[in-house]
Amino acid sequence: AIPIMESGYQNLLPSANPSSGAAGLWQFIAPTARFFGLKVNKHVDERMDVEKETDVAIRYLLSNKLIFNSWQLAIMSYNSGERRVREGIE
């Protein structure tokens, strides 16, 4: 359901979301993609590789689940960021 909500299940280029610069089926911003090992530069953008971006999405969700001990909060932090979820909890 996450890629349906994020991108309408379309592998979108960063230009489709100029305000955030998010790209791909899972709508990763470049810093998050790089943190999880995807290459994002002027020559290659692995956020557009469905297999690689899906692997990162799974690892990101599992990481957030470990942090918050809740699937609901893991999904919320996927969309809004871990910092915002932490601030909301505090």
PDB file of N, CA and C in Angstrom:
ATOM      1  N   ALA A   1       0.810  -1.199   0.000  1.00  0.00           N
ATOM      2  CA  ALA A   1       0.000   0.000   0.000  1.00  0.00           C
ATOM      3  C   ALA A   1       0.860   1.273   0.000  1.00  0.00           C
ATOM      4  N   ILE A   2       2.064   1.195   0.562  1.00  0.00           N
ATOM      5  CA  ILE A   2       2.901   2.407   0.650  1.00  0.00           C
ATOM      6  C   ILE A   2       3.236   2.965  -0.729  1.00  0.00           C
ATOM      7  N   PRO A   3       3.705   2.146  -1.687  1.00  0.00           N
ATOM      8  CA  PRO A   3       4.004   2.752  -2.990  1.00  0.00           C
ATOM      9  C   PRO A   3       2.766   3.263  -3.727  1.00  0.00           C
ATOM     10  N   ILE A   4       1.623   2.727  -3.412  1.00  0.00           N
ATOM     11  CA  ILE A   4       0.390   3.250  -4.022  1.00  0.00           C
ATOM     12  C   ILE A   4       0.140   4.658  -3.504  1.00  0.00           C
ATOM     13  N   MET A   5       0.308   4.848  -2.196  1.00  0.00           N
ATOM     14  CA  MET A   5       0.091   6.176  -1.605  1.00  0.00           C
ATOM     15  C   MET A   5       1.211   7.154  -1.981  1.00  0.00           C
ATOM     16  N   GLU A   6       2.453   6.658  -2.053  1.00  0.00           N
ATOM     17  CA  GLU A   6       3.587   7.528  -2.328  1.00  0.00           C
ATOM     18  C   GLU A   6       3.625   7.993  -3.785  1.00  0.00           C
ATOM     19  N   SER A   7       3.384   7.068  -4.729  1.00  0.00           N
ATOM     20  CA  SER A   7       3.617   7.394  -6.145  1.00  0.00           C
ATOM     21  C   SER A   7       2.497   6.965  -7.076  1.00  0.00           C
ATOM     22  N   GLY A   8       1.409   6.438  -6.527  1.00  0.00           N
ATOM     23  CA  GLY A   8       0.378   5.896  -7.402  1.00  0.00           C
ATOM     24  C   GLY A   8       0.893   4.676  -8.150  1.00  0.00           C
ATOM     25  N   TYR A   9       1.889   4.006  -7.556  1.00  0.00           N
ATOM     26  CA  TYR A   9       2.552   2.833  -8.120  1.00  0.00           C
ATOM     27  C   TYR A   9       3.186   3.141  -9.478  1.00  0.00           C
ATOM     28  N   GLN A  10       3.753   4.347  -9.574  1.00  0.00           N
ATOM     29  CA  GLN A  10       4.483   4.761 -10.764  1.00  0.00           C
ATOM     30  C   GLN A  10       5.913   5.095 -10.366  1.00  0.00           C
ATOM     31  N   ASN A  11       6.865   4.679 -11.171  1.00  0.00           N
ATOM     32  CA  ASN A  11       8.272   4.942 -10.906  1.00  0.00           C
ATOM     33  C   ASN A  11       8.582   6.362 -11.374  1.00  0.00           C
ATOM     34  N   LEU A  12       8.332   7.344 -10.516  1.00  0.00           N
ATOM     35  CA  LEU A  12       8.384   8.756 -10.883  1.00  0.00           C
ATOM     36  C   LEU A  12       9.794   9.333 -10.828  1.00  0.00           C
ATOM     37  N   LEU A  13      10.126  10.139 -11.810  1.00  0.00           N
ATOM     38  CA  LEU A  13      11.387  10.872 -11.830  1.00  0.00           C
ATOM     39  C   LEU A  13      11.363  11.977 -10.776  1.00  0.00           C
ATOM     40  N   PRO A  14      12.530  12.427 -10.315  1.00  0.00           N
ATOM     41  CA  PRO A  14      12.567  13.515  -9.323  1.00  0.00           C
ATOM     42  C   PRO A  14      11.848  14.776  -9.799  1.00  0.00           C
ATOM     43  N   SER A  15      11.816  15.001 -11.091  1.00  0.00           N
ATOM     44  CA  SER A  15      11.157  16.196 -11.621  1.00  0.00           C
ATOM     45  C   SER A  15       9.647  16.173 -11.400  1.00  0.00           C
ATOM     46  N   ALA A  16       9.087  15.004 -11.100  1.00  0.00           N
ATOM     47  CA  ALA A  16       7.645  14.910 -10.826  1.00  0.00           C
ATOM     48  C   ALA A  16       7.306  15.511  -9.465  1.00  0.00           C
ATOM     49  N   ASN A  17       8.304  15.639  -8.597  1.00  0.00           N
ATOM     50  CA  ASN A  17       8.119  16.194  -7.255  1.00  0.00           C
ATOM     51  C   ASN A  17       9.199  17.232  -6.981  1.00  0.00           C
ATOM     52  N   PRO A  18       9.140  18.358  -7.672  1.00  0.00           N
ATOM     53  CA  PRO A  18      10.231  19.330  -7.542  1.00  0.00           C
ATOM     54  C   PRO A  18      10.421  19.885  -6.135  1.00  0.00           C
ATOM     55  N   SER A  19       9.377  19.944  -5.335  1.00  0.00           N
ATOM     56  CA  SER A  19       9.537  20.507  -3.985  1.00  0.00           C
ATOM     57  C   SER A  19      10.329  19.582  -3.068  1.00  0.00           C
ATOM     58  N   SER A  20      10.151  18.266  -3.211  1.00  0.00           N
ATOM     59  CA  SER A  20      10.865  17.322  -2.343  1.00  0.00           C
ATOM     60  C   SER A  20      12.038  16.666  -3.044  1.00  0.00           C
ATOM     61  N   GLY A  21      11.958  16.558  -4.360  1.00  0.00           N
ATOM     62  CA  GLY A  21      13.000  15.856  -5.103  1.00  0.00           C
ATOM     63  C   GLY A  21      12.921  14.346  -4.941  1.00  0.00           C
ATOM     64  N   ALA A  22      11.824  13.857  -4.366  1.00  0.00           N
ATOM     65  CA  ALA A  22      11.657  12.418  -4.184  1.00  0.00           C
ATOM     66  C   ALA A  22      11.512  11.738  -5.541  1.00  0.00           C
ATOM     67  N   ALA A  23      11.961  10.478  -5.602  1.00  0.00           N
ATOM     68  CA  ALA A  23      11.922   9.758  -6.875  1.00  0.00           C
ATOM     69  C   ALA A  23      11.630   8.289  -6.652  1.00  0.00           C
ATOM     70  N   GLY A  24      11.162   7.667  -7.708  1.00  0.00           N
ATOM     71  CA  GLY A  24      10.937   6.236  -7.714  1.00  0.00           C
ATOM     72  C   GLY A  24       9.563   5.836  -7.224  1.00  0.00           C
ATOM     73  N   LEU A  25       9.349   4.555  -7.256  1.00  0.00           N
ATOM     74  CA  LEU A  25       8.099   3.957  -6.813  1.00  0.00           C
ATOM     75  C   LEU A  25       7.846   4.234  -5.334  1.00  0.00           C
ATOM     76  N   TRP A  26       8.932   4.213  -4.552  1.00  0.00           N
ATOM     77  CA  TRP A  26       8.851   4.371  -3.105  1.00  0.00           C
ATOM     78  C   TRP A  26       9.100   5.802  -2.655  1.00  0.00           C
ATOM     79  N   GLN A  27       9.371   6.704  -3.594  1.00  0.00           N
ATOM     80  CA  GLN A  27       9.520   8.136  -3.334  1.00  0.00           C
ATOM     81  C   GLN A  27      10.579   8.465  -2.284  1.00  0.00           C
ATOM     82  N   PHE A  28      11.806   8.018  -2.541  1.00  0.00           N
ATOM     83  CA  PHE A  28      12.918   8.349  -1.661  1.00  0.00           C
ATOM     84  C   PHE A  28      13.519   9.692  -2.020  1.00  0.00           C
ATOM     85  N   ILE A  29      13.850  10.468  -0.985  1.00  0.00           N
ATOM     86  CA  ILE A  29      14.660  11.662  -1.212  1.00  0.00           C
ATOM     87  C   ILE A  29      16.115  11.184  -1.274  1.00  0.00           C
ATOM     88  N   ALA A  30      16.949  11.966  -1.938  1.00  0.00           N
ATOM     89  CA  ALA A  30      18.326  11.549  -2.188  1.00  0.00           C
ATOM     90  C   ALA A  30      19.098  11.193  -0.914  1.00  0.00           C
ATOM     91  N   PRO A  31      19.048  12.010   0.157  1.00  0.00           N
ATOM     92  CA  PRO A  31      19.829  11.648   1.352  1.00  0.00           C
ATOM     93  C   PRO A  31      19.450  10.293   1.955  1.00  0.00           C
ATOM     94  N   THR A  32      18.170   9.992   1.998  1.00  0.00           N
ATOM     95  CA  THR A  32      17.736   8.701   2.539  1.00  0.00           C
ATOM     96  C   THR A  32      18.196   7.572   1.631  1.00  0.00           C
ATOM     97  N   ALA A  33      18.054   7.752   0.332  1.00  0.00           N
ATOM     98  CA  ALA A  33      18.492   6.739  -0.622  1.00  0.00           C
ATOM     99  C   ALA A  33      19.986   6.461  -0.466  1.00  0.00           C
ATOM    100  N   ARG A  34      20.774   7.516  -0.361  1.00  0.00           N
ATOM    101  CA  ARG A  34      22.225   7.349  -0.202  1.00  0.00           C
ATOM    102  C   ARG A  34      22.564   6.674   1.127  1.00  0.00           C
ATOM    103  N   PHE A  35      21.879   7.053   2.187  1.00  0.00           N
ATOM    104  CA  PHE A  35      22.122   6.465   3.505  1.00  0.00           C
ATOM    105  C   PHE A  35      21.961   4.950   3.452  1.00  0.00           C
ATOM    106  N   PHE A  36      20.993   4.478   2.674  1.00  0.00           N
ATOM    107  CA  PHE A  36      20.733   3.043   2.558  1.00  0.00           C
ATOM    108  C   PHE A  36      21.478   2.401   1.392  1.00  0.00           C
ATOM    109  N   GLY A  37      22.415   3.135   0.794  1.00  0.00           N
ATOM    110  CA  GLY A  37      23.323   2.533  -0.174  1.00  0.00           C
ATOM    111  C   GLY A  37      22.995   2.689  -1.641  1.00  0.00           C
ATOM    112  N   LEU A  38      21.963   3.455  -1.968  1.00  0.00           N
ATOM    113  CA  LEU A  38      21.664   3.681  -3.389  1.00  0.00           C
ATOM    114  C   LEU A  38      22.557   4.790  -3.938  1.00  0.00           C
ATOM    115  N   LYS A  39      22.937   4.649  -5.188  1.00  0.00           N
ATOM    116  CA  LYS A  39      23.708   5.692  -5.859  1.00  0.00           C
ATOM    117  C   LYS A  39      22.733   6.727  -6.419  1.00  0.00           C
ATOM    118  N   VAL A  40      22.984   7.979  -6.078  1.00  0.00           N
ATOM    119  CA  VAL A  40      22.189   9.082  -6.609  1.00  0.00           C
ATOM    120  C   VAL A  40      23.169  10.202  -6.928  1.00  0.00           C
ATOM    121  N   ASN A  41      23.393  10.419  -8.215  1.00  0.00           N
ATOM    122  CA  ASN A  41      24.262  11.506  -8.667  1.00  0.00           C
ATOM    123  C   ASN A  41      23.828  11.942 -10.051  1.00  0.00           C
ATOM    124  N   LYS A  42      24.589  12.800 -10.692  1.00  0.00           N
ATOM    125  CA  LYS A  42      24.151  13.320 -11.996  1.00  0.00           C
ATOM    126  C   LYS A  42      24.226  12.270 -13.101  1.00  0.00           C
ATOM    127  N   HIS A  43      24.883  11.128 -12.837  1.00  0.00           N
ATOM    128  CA  HIS A  43      25.005  10.089 -13.866  1.00  0.00           C
ATOM    129  C   HIS A  43      24.076   8.899 -13.649  1.00  0.00           C
ATOM    130  N   VAL A  44      23.743   8.633 -12.400  1.00  0.00           N
ATOM    131  CA  VAL A  44      22.910   7.467 -12.091  1.00  0.00           C
ATOM    132  C   VAL A  44      21.983   7.790 -10.918  1.00  0.00           C
ATOM    133  N   ASP A  45      20.790   7.258 -10.986  1.00  0.00           N
ATOM    134  CA  ASP A  45      19.827   7.418  -9.894  1.00  0.00           C
ATOM    135  C   ASP A  45      19.170   6.069  -9.650  1.00  0.00           C
ATOM    136  N   GLU A  46      19.707   5.336  -8.674  1.00  0.00           N
ATOM    137  CA  GLU A  46      19.199   3.999  -8.395  1.00  0.00           C
ATOM    138  C   GLU A  46      17.834   4.014  -7.720  1.00  0.00           C
ATOM    139  N   ARG A  47      17.314   5.187  -7.413  1.00  0.00           N
ATOM    140  CA  ARG A  47      15.936   5.255  -6.907  1.00  0.00           C
ATOM    141  C   ARG A  47      14.959   4.845  -8.001  1.00  0.00           C
ATOM    142  N   MET A  48      15.412   4.806  -9.235  1.00  0.00           N
ATOM    143  CA  MET A  48      14.563   4.415 -10.353  1.00  0.00           C
ATOM    144  C   MET A  48      14.654   2.913 -10.659  1.00  0.00           C
ATOM    145  N   ASP A  49      15.502   2.196  -9.941  1.00  0.00           N
ATOM    146  CA  ASP A  49      15.645   0.751 -10.091  1.00  0.00           C
ATOM    147  C   ASP A  49      14.695   0.087  -9.096  1.00  0.00           C
ATOM    148  N   VAL A  50      13.599  -0.463  -9.589  1.00  0.00           N
ATOM    149  CA  VAL A  50      12.531  -0.969  -8.721  1.00  0.00           C
ATOM    150  C   VAL A  50      13.043  -2.021  -7.746  1.00  0.00           C
ATOM    151  N   GLU A  51      13.878  -2.918  -8.189  1.00  0.00           N
ATOM    152  CA  GLU A  51      14.384  -3.960  -7.294  1.00  0.00           C
ATOM    153  C   GLU A  51      15.230  -3.356  -6.169  1.00  0.00           C
ATOM    154  N   LYS A  52      16.136  -2.463  -6.520  1.00  0.00           N
ATOM    155  CA  LYS A  52      17.002  -1.850  -5.506  1.00  0.00           C
ATOM    156  C   LYS A  52      16.218  -0.946  -4.565  1.00  0.00           C
ATOM    157  N   GLU A  53      15.309  -0.148  -5.108  1.00  0.00           N
ATOM    158  CA  GLU A  53      14.565   0.757  -4.237  1.00  0.00           C
ATOM    159  C   GLU A  53      13.602  -0.011  -3.332  1.00  0.00           C
ATOM    160  N   THR A  54      13.086  -1.127  -3.797  1.00  0.00           N
ATOM    161  CA  THR A  54      12.204  -1.945  -2.960  1.00  0.00           C
ATOM    162  C   THR A  54      12.991  -2.582  -1.822  1.00  0.00           C
ATOM    163  N   ASP A  55      14.211  -3.042  -2.109  1.00  0.00           N
ATOM    164  CA  ASP A  55      15.068  -3.569  -1.052  1.00  0.00           C
ATOM    165  C   ASP A  55      15.327  -2.502   0.009  1.00  0.00           C
ATOM    166  N   VAL A  56      15.620  -1.287  -0.419  1.00  0.00           N
ATOM    167  CA  VAL A  56      15.857  -0.190   0.517  1.00  0.00           C
ATOM    168  C   VAL A  56      14.587   0.124   1.315  1.00  0.00           C
ATOM    169  N   ALA A  57      13.448   0.118   0.661  1.00  0.00           N
ATOM    170  CA  ALA A  57      12.188   0.402   1.358  1.00  0.00           C
ATOM    171  C   ALA A  57      11.947  -0.612   2.468  1.00  0.00           C
ATOM    172  N   ILE A  58      12.203  -1.877   2.194  1.00  0.00           N
ATOM    173  CA  ILE A  58      12.013  -2.915   3.201  1.00  0.00           C
ATOM    174  C   ILE A  58      12.986  -2.711   4.362  1.00  0.00           C
ATOM    175  N   ARG A  59      14.245  -2.438   4.043  1.00  0.00           N
ATOM    176  CA  ARG A  59      15.233  -2.219   5.101  1.00  0.00           C
ATOM    177  C   ARG A  59      14.910  -0.968   5.916  1.00  0.00           C
ATOM    178  N   TYR A  60      14.428   0.072   5.252  1.00  0.00           N
ATOM    179  CA  TYR A  60      14.059   1.307   5.941  1.00  0.00           C
ATOM    180  C   TYR A  60      12.877   1.068   6.894  1.00  0.00           C
ATOM    181  N   LEU A  61      11.869   0.364   6.418  1.00  0.00           N
ATOM    182  CA  LEU A  61      10.720   0.060   7.272  1.00  0.00           C
ATOM    183  C   LEU A  61      11.125  -0.813   8.460  1.00  0.00           C
ATOM    184  N   LEU A  62      11.965  -1.820   8.210  1.00  0.00           N
ATOM    185  CA  LEU A  62      12.420  -2.676   9.308  1.00  0.00           C
ATOM    186  C   LEU A  62      13.252  -1.886  10.320  1.00  0.00           C
ATOM    187  N   SER A  63      14.077  -0.977   9.818  1.00  0.00           N
ATOM    188  CA  SER A  63      14.874  -0.120  10.701  1.00  0.00           C
ATOM    189  C   SER A  63      13.969   0.736  11.578  1.00  0.00           C
ATOM    190  N   ASN A  64      12.957   1.329  10.975  1.00  0.00           N
ATOM    191  CA  ASN A  64      12.013   2.154  11.732  1.00  0.00           C
ATOM    192  C   ASN A  64      11.205   1.320  12.719  1.00  0.00           C
ATOM    193  N   LYS A  65      10.888   0.085  12.350  1.00  0.00           N
ATOM    194  CA  LYS A  65      10.168  -0.810  13.265  1.00  0.00           C
ATOM    195  C   LYS A  65      11.021  -1.093  14.495  1.00  0.00           C
ATOM    196  N   LEU A  66      12.320  -1.300  14.290  1.00  0.00           N
ATOM    197  CA  LEU A  66      13.222  -1.534  15.423  1.00  0.00           C
ATOM    198  C   LEU A  66      13.338  -0.298  16.309  1.00  0.00           C
ATOM    199  N   ILE A  67      13.349   0.873  15.702  1.00  0.00           N
ATOM    200  CA  ILE A  67      13.471   2.122  16.457  1.00  0.00           C
ATOM    201  C   ILE A  67      12.226   2.377  17.304  1.00  0.00           C
ATOM    202  N   PHE A  68      11.053   2.229  16.700  1.00  0.00           N
ATOM    203  CA  PHE A  68       9.803   2.628  17.359  1.00  0.00           C
ATOM    204  C   PHE A  68       9.001   1.467  17.949  1.00  0.00           C
ATOM    205  N   ASN A  69       9.404   0.231  17.625  1.00  0.00           N
ATOM    206  CA  ASN A  69       8.707  -0.953  18.133  1.00  0.00           C
ATOM    207  C   ASN A  69       7.218  -0.932  17.800  1.00  0.00           C
ATOM    208  N   SER A  70       6.903  -0.417  16.615  1.00  0.00           N
ATOM    209  CA  SER A  70       5.508  -0.296  16.186  1.00  0.00           C
ATOM    210  C   SER A  70       5.481  -0.190  14.662  1.00  0.00           C
ATOM    211  N   TRP A  71       4.678  -1.034  14.030  1.00  0.00           N
ATOM    212  CA  TRP A  71       4.558  -0.920  12.574  1.00  0.00           C
ATOM    213  C   TRP A  71       3.879   0.380  12.179  1.00  0.00           C
ATOM    214  N   GLN A  72       2.894   0.816  12.954  1.00  0.00           N
ATOM    215  CA  GLN A  72       2.206   2.064  12.633  1.00  0.00           C
ATOM    216  C   GLN A  72       3.183   3.242  12.654  1.00  0.00           C
ATOM    217  N   LEU A  73       4.021   3.308  13.689  1.00  0.00           N
ATOM    218  CA  LEU A  73       4.998   4.393  13.766  1.00  0.00           C
ATOM    219  C   LEU A  73       6.098   4.235  12.725  1.00  0.00           C
ATOM    220  N   ALA A  74       6.448   3.003  12.388  1.00  0.00           N
ATOM    221  CA  ALA A  74       7.444   2.765  11.339  1.00  0.00           C
ATOM    222  C   ALA A  74       6.944   3.311  10.005  1.00  0.00           C
ATOM    223  N   ILE A  75       5.680   3.072   9.707  1.00  0.00           N
ATOM    224  CA  ILE A  75       5.093   3.567   8.457  1.00  0.00           C
ATOM    225  C   ILE A  75       4.956   5.088   8.501  1.00  0.00           C
ATOM    226  N   MET A  76       4.546   5.617   9.635  1.00  0.00           N
ATOM    227  CA  MET A  76       4.435   7.067   9.754  1.00  0.00           C
ATOM    228  C   MET A  76       5.807   7.726   9.556  1.00  0.00           C
ATOM    229  N   SER A  77       6.837   7.143  10.142  1.00  0.00           N
ATOM    230  CA  SER A  77       8.175   7.729  10.013  1.00  0.00           C
ATOM    231  C   SER A  77       8.721   7.557   8.602  1.00  0.00           C
ATOM    232  N   TYR A  78       8.265   6.539   7.878  1.00  0.00           N
ATOM    233  CA  TYR A  78       8.649   6.379   6.475  1.00  0.00           C
ATOM    234  C   TYR A  78       8.217   7.617   5.694  1.00  0.00           C
ATOM    235  N   ASN A  79       7.033   8.077   5.991  1.00  0.00           N
ATOM    236  CA  ASN A  79       6.476   9.207   5.257  1.00  0.00           C
ATOM    237  C   ASN A  79       6.960  10.553   5.776  1.00  0.00           C
ATOM    238  N   SER A  80       7.011  10.712   7.085  1.00  0.00           N
ATOM    239  CA  SER A  80       7.310  12.037   7.632  1.00  0.00           C
ATOM    240  C   SER A  80       8.707  12.181   8.212  1.00  0.00           C
ATOM    241  N   GLY A  81       9.407  11.063   8.395  1.00  0.00           N
ATOM    242  CA  GLY A  81      10.747  11.101   8.961  1.00  0.00           C
ATOM    243  C   GLY A  81      10.760  10.719  10.424  1.00  0.00           C
ATOM    244  N   GLU A  82      11.866  10.093  10.822  1.00  0.00           N
ATOM    245  CA  GLU A  82      11.974   9.630  12.203  1.00  0.00           C
ATOM    246  C   GLU A  82      11.935  10.785  13.198  1.00  0.00           C
ATOM    247  N   ARG A  83      12.558  11.896  12.849  1.00  0.00           N
ATOM    248  CA  ARG A  83      12.606  13.047  13.769  1.00  0.00           C
ATOM    249  C   ARG A  83      11.210  13.540  14.106  1.00  0.00           C
ATOM    250  N   ARG A  84      10.347  13.671  13.119  1.00  0.00           N
ATOM    251  CA  ARG A  84       8.981  14.152  13.386  1.00  0.00           C
ATOM    252  C   ARG A  84       8.206  13.183  14.263  1.00  0.00           C
ATOM    253  N   VAL A  85       8.405  11.895  14.033  1.00  0.00           N
ATOM    254  CA  VAL A  85       7.720  10.914  14.863  1.00  0.00           C
ATOM    255  C   VAL A  85       8.233  10.996  16.294  1.00  0.00           C
ATOM    256  N   ARG A  86       9.559  11.098  16.469  1.00  0.00           N
ATOM    257  CA  ARG A  86      10.124  11.245  17.811  1.00  0.00           C
ATOM    258  C   ARG A  86       9.569  12.496  18.501  1.00  0.00           C
ATOM    259  N   GLU A  87       9.513  13.600  17.771  1.00  0.00           N
ATOM    260  CA  GLU A  87       8.978  14.850  18.335  1.00  0.00           C
ATOM    261  C   GLU A  87       7.516  14.662  18.741  1.00  0.00           C
ATOM    262  N   GLY A  88       6.762  13.954  17.929  1.00  0.00           N
ATOM    263  CA  GLY A  88       5.361  13.710  18.261  1.00  0.00           C
ATOM    264  C   GLY A  88       5.198  12.855  19.510  1.00  0.00           C
ATOM    265  N   ILE A  89       6.084  11.886  19.667  1.00  0.00           N
ATOM    266  CA  ILE A  89       6.049  11.031  20.857  1.00  0.00           C
ATOM    267  C   ILE A  89       6.400  11.848  22.103  1.00  0.00           C
ATOM    268  N   GLU A  90       7.419  12.691  21.978  1.00  0.00           N
ATOM    269  CA  GLU A  90       7.837  13.513  23.126  1.00  0.00           C
ATOM    270  C   GLU A  90       6.754  14.493  23.504  1.00  0.00           C
TER     271      GLU A  90
END
